Amino acid sequence: MLERDFQEVPDLHFKIELLLADPPHIASRLAFDSTPKGKFLGLPVNGKRVSFAAIEAQLASLGVR
């Protein structure tokens, strides 16, 4: 997390709700919860609670070919 992000969202918490691996593919569902200061993703939330989930998909490479 970048320093500016921490200043804008000091209480950001996330929970891994689902983690799947089928090497080299990795997928996860992350739940986020926070009370950002000022704007968050362009929206003026001003300290209101924000919760959302994200799906991430990654392709892992460990240098093995």
N, C-alpha and C. Protein backbone atom coordinates (compact mmCIF):
# COMPACT_ATOMS: atom_id res chain seq x y z
N MET A 1 0.85 -1.17 0.00
CA MET A 1 0.00 0.00 0.00
C MET A 1 0.90 1.23 0.00
N LEU A 2 0.59 2.17 -0.82
CA LEU A 2 1.38 3.38 -0.90
C LEU A 2 1.11 4.30 0.28
N GLU A 3 2.10 5.12 0.63
CA GLU A 3 1.96 6.02 1.78
C GLU A 3 0.74 6.94 1.65
N ARG A 4 0.51 7.49 0.45
CA ARG A 4 -0.64 8.37 0.24
C ARG A 4 -1.95 7.61 0.47
N ASP A 5 -2.00 6.36 -0.02
CA ASP A 5 -3.20 5.55 0.17
C ASP A 5 -3.48 5.33 1.66
N PHE A 6 -2.43 5.08 2.43
CA PHE A 6 -2.60 4.86 3.87
C PHE A 6 -3.11 6.13 4.56
N GLN A 7 -2.66 7.29 4.11
CA GLN A 7 -3.13 8.54 4.70
C GLN A 7 -4.60 8.77 4.38
N GLU A 8 -5.04 8.40 3.19
CA GLU A 8 -6.42 8.62 2.77
C GLU A 8 -7.37 7.55 3.32
N VAL A 9 -6.86 6.34 3.53
CA VAL A 9 -7.67 5.22 4.03
C VAL A 9 -6.89 4.53 5.15
N PRO A 10 -6.77 5.17 6.32
CA PRO A 10 -5.90 4.63 7.38
C PRO A 10 -6.39 3.34 8.02
N ASP A 11 -7.67 3.03 7.92
CA ASP A 11 -8.20 1.83 8.59
C ASP A 11 -8.62 0.74 7.61
N LEU A 12 -8.01 0.70 6.44
CA LEU A 12 -8.39 -0.30 5.44
C LEU A 12 -8.12 -1.71 5.96
N HIS A 13 -9.13 -2.55 5.91
CA HIS A 13 -9.02 -3.96 6.29
C HIS A 13 -9.52 -4.78 5.12
N PHE A 14 -8.90 -5.92 4.90
CA PHE A 14 -9.44 -6.83 3.90
C PHE A 14 -9.37 -8.26 4.42
N LYS A 15 -10.28 -9.05 3.91
CA LYS A 15 -10.40 -10.45 4.32
C LYS A 15 -10.40 -11.30 3.06
N ILE A 16 -9.60 -12.35 3.07
CA ILE A 16 -9.60 -13.29 1.95
C ILE A 16 -10.79 -14.22 2.16
N GLU A 17 -11.81 -14.07 1.30
CA GLU A 17 -13.01 -14.90 1.43
C GLU A 17 -12.90 -16.20 0.65
N LEU A 18 -12.09 -16.18 -0.40
CA LEU A 18 -11.94 -17.37 -1.24
C LEU A 18 -10.56 -17.32 -1.88
N LEU A 19 -9.86 -18.43 -1.86
CA LEU A 19 -8.55 -18.52 -2.49
C LEU A 19 -8.47 -19.85 -3.21
N LEU A 20 -8.25 -19.78 -4.51
CA LEU A 20 -8.17 -20.98 -5.35
C LEU A 20 -6.82 -20.99 -6.06
N ALA A 21 -6.22 -22.17 -6.16
CA ALA A 21 -4.95 -22.30 -6.87
C ALA A 21 -4.97 -23.55 -7.72
N ASP A 22 -4.63 -23.37 -8.97
CA ASP A 22 -4.41 -24.46 -9.91
C ASP A 22 -3.18 -24.04 -10.70
N PRO A 23 -2.00 -24.26 -10.10
CA PRO A 23 -0.77 -23.70 -10.65
C PRO A 23 -0.67 -23.84 -12.18
N PRO A 24 -0.28 -22.75 -12.81
CA PRO A 24 0.23 -21.50 -12.25
C PRO A 24 -0.85 -20.43 -12.02
N HIS A 25 -2.13 -20.81 -12.03
CA HIS A 25 -3.22 -19.84 -11.88
C HIS A 25 -3.65 -19.73 -10.42
N ILE A 26 -3.89 -18.49 -10.00
CA ILE A 26 -4.35 -18.21 -8.64
C ILE A 26 -5.51 -17.23 -8.74
N ALA A 27 -6.59 -17.49 -7.99
CA ALA A 27 -7.74 -16.58 -7.99
C ALA A 27 -8.18 -16.36 -6.55
N SER A 28 -8.69 -15.15 -6.28
CA SER A 28 -9.15 -14.87 -4.92
C SER A 28 -10.31 -13.89 -4.95
N ARG A 29 -11.10 -13.95 -3.90
CA ARG A 29 -12.16 -12.96 -3.66
C ARG A 29 -11.78 -12.28 -2.35
N LEU A 30 -11.60 -10.96 -2.42
CA LEU A 30 -11.21 -10.18 -1.26
C LEU A 30 -12.33 -9.24 -0.86
N ALA A 31 -12.65 -9.17 0.43
CA ALA A 31 -13.65 -8.25 0.95
C ALA A 31 -12.92 -7.11 1.65
N PHE A 32 -13.24 -5.88 1.28
CA PHE A 32 -12.60 -4.69 1.84
C PHE A 32 -13.59 -3.91 2.70
N ASP A 33 -13.10 -3.30 3.76
CA ASP A 33 -13.92 -2.49 4.64
C ASP A 33 -13.06 -1.32 5.11
N SER A 34 -13.60 -0.09 5.05
CA SER A 34 -12.82 1.08 5.44
C SER A 34 -13.72 2.30 5.65
N THR A 35 -13.14 3.35 6.20
CA THR A 35 -13.80 4.65 6.31
C THR A 35 -12.83 5.70 5.76
N PRO A 36 -12.77 5.85 4.43
CA PRO A 36 -11.83 6.77 3.80
C PRO A 36 -12.09 8.23 4.18
N LYS A 37 -11.04 9.02 4.17
CA LYS A 37 -11.15 10.46 4.37
C LYS A 37 -11.36 11.10 3.00
N GLY A 38 -12.19 12.09 2.90
CA GLY A 38 -12.38 12.81 1.64
C GLY A 38 -13.00 11.93 0.57
N LYS A 39 -12.34 11.85 -0.60
CA LYS A 39 -12.87 11.08 -1.72
C LYS A 39 -12.30 9.67 -1.74
N PHE A 40 -13.09 8.76 -2.26
CA PHE A 40 -12.65 7.38 -2.46
C PHE A 40 -13.15 6.94 -3.81
N LEU A 41 -12.23 6.56 -4.68
CA LEU A 41 -12.57 6.19 -6.06
C LEU A 41 -13.38 7.30 -6.74
N GLY A 42 -13.05 8.55 -6.41
CA GLY A 42 -13.72 9.69 -7.02
C GLY A 42 -15.03 10.09 -6.38
N LEU A 43 -15.47 9.36 -5.37
CA LEU A 43 -16.74 9.66 -4.69
C LEU A 43 -16.48 10.36 -3.37
N PRO A 44 -17.24 11.42 -3.04
CA PRO A 44 -17.03 12.14 -1.79
C PRO A 44 -17.63 11.41 -0.59
N VAL A 45 -16.91 10.46 -0.04
CA VAL A 45 -17.44 9.66 1.07
C VAL A 45 -17.23 10.33 2.43
N ASN A 46 -16.19 11.12 2.58
CA ASN A 46 -15.93 11.93 3.78
C ASN A 46 -16.13 11.19 5.10
N GLY A 47 -15.46 10.07 5.28
CA GLY A 47 -15.51 9.35 6.55
C GLY A 47 -16.65 8.35 6.68
N LYS A 48 -17.47 8.19 5.66
CA LYS A 48 -18.53 7.17 5.71
C LYS A 48 -17.92 5.80 5.44
N ARG A 49 -18.52 4.78 6.00
CA ARG A 49 -18.03 3.42 5.83
C ARG A 49 -18.22 2.96 4.40
N VAL A 50 -17.18 2.33 3.86
CA VAL A 50 -17.22 1.79 2.50
C VAL A 50 -16.81 0.32 2.57
N SER A 51 -17.64 -0.55 2.01
CA SER A 51 -17.34 -1.98 1.94
C SER A 51 -17.55 -2.44 0.50
N PHE A 52 -16.64 -3.28 0.02
CA PHE A 52 -16.79 -3.82 -1.33
C PHE A 52 -15.96 -5.09 -1.45
N ALA A 53 -16.19 -5.83 -2.50
CA ALA A 53 -15.44 -7.07 -2.76
C ALA A 53 -14.80 -6.96 -4.13
N ALA A 54 -13.69 -7.66 -4.28
CA ALA A 54 -12.97 -7.67 -5.55
C ALA A 54 -12.54 -9.10 -5.86
N ILE A 55 -12.53 -9.42 -7.14
CA ILE A 55 -12.03 -10.71 -7.61
C ILE A 55 -10.69 -10.45 -8.28
N GLU A 56 -9.68 -11.21 -7.88
CA GLU A 56 -8.34 -11.07 -8.44
C GLU A 56 -7.96 -12.38 -9.11
N ALA A 57 -7.33 -12.29 -10.26
CA ALA A 57 -6.80 -13.47 -10.95
C ALA A 57 -5.35 -13.20 -11.28
N GLN A 58 -4.49 -14.14 -10.97
CA GLN A 58 -3.05 -13.97 -11.19
C GLN A 58 -2.49 -15.20 -11.90
N LEU A 59 -1.41 -14.98 -12.61
CA LEU A 59 -0.65 -16.05 -13.22
C LEU A 59 0.72 -16.03 -12.58
N ALA A 60 1.05 -17.04 -11.81
CA ALA A 60 2.30 -17.07 -11.06
C ALA A 60 3.42 -17.68 -11.89
N SER A 61 4.60 -17.11 -11.74
CA SER A 61 5.78 -17.64 -12.39
C SER A 61 6.90 -17.69 -11.38
N LEU A 62 7.44 -18.86 -11.14
CA LEU A 62 8.49 -19.02 -10.14
C LEU A 62 9.85 -19.20 -10.80
N GLY A 63 9.96 -18.83 -12.06
CA GLY A 63 11.23 -18.96 -12.76
C GLY A 63 11.47 -20.35 -13.30
N VAL A 64 10.52 -21.24 -13.15
CA VAL A 64 10.63 -22.60 -13.66
C VAL A 64 9.96 -22.66 -15.01
N ARG A 65 10.63 -23.20 -15.99
CA ARG A 65 10.05 -23.27 -17.34
C ARG A 65 9.90 -24.70 -17.78
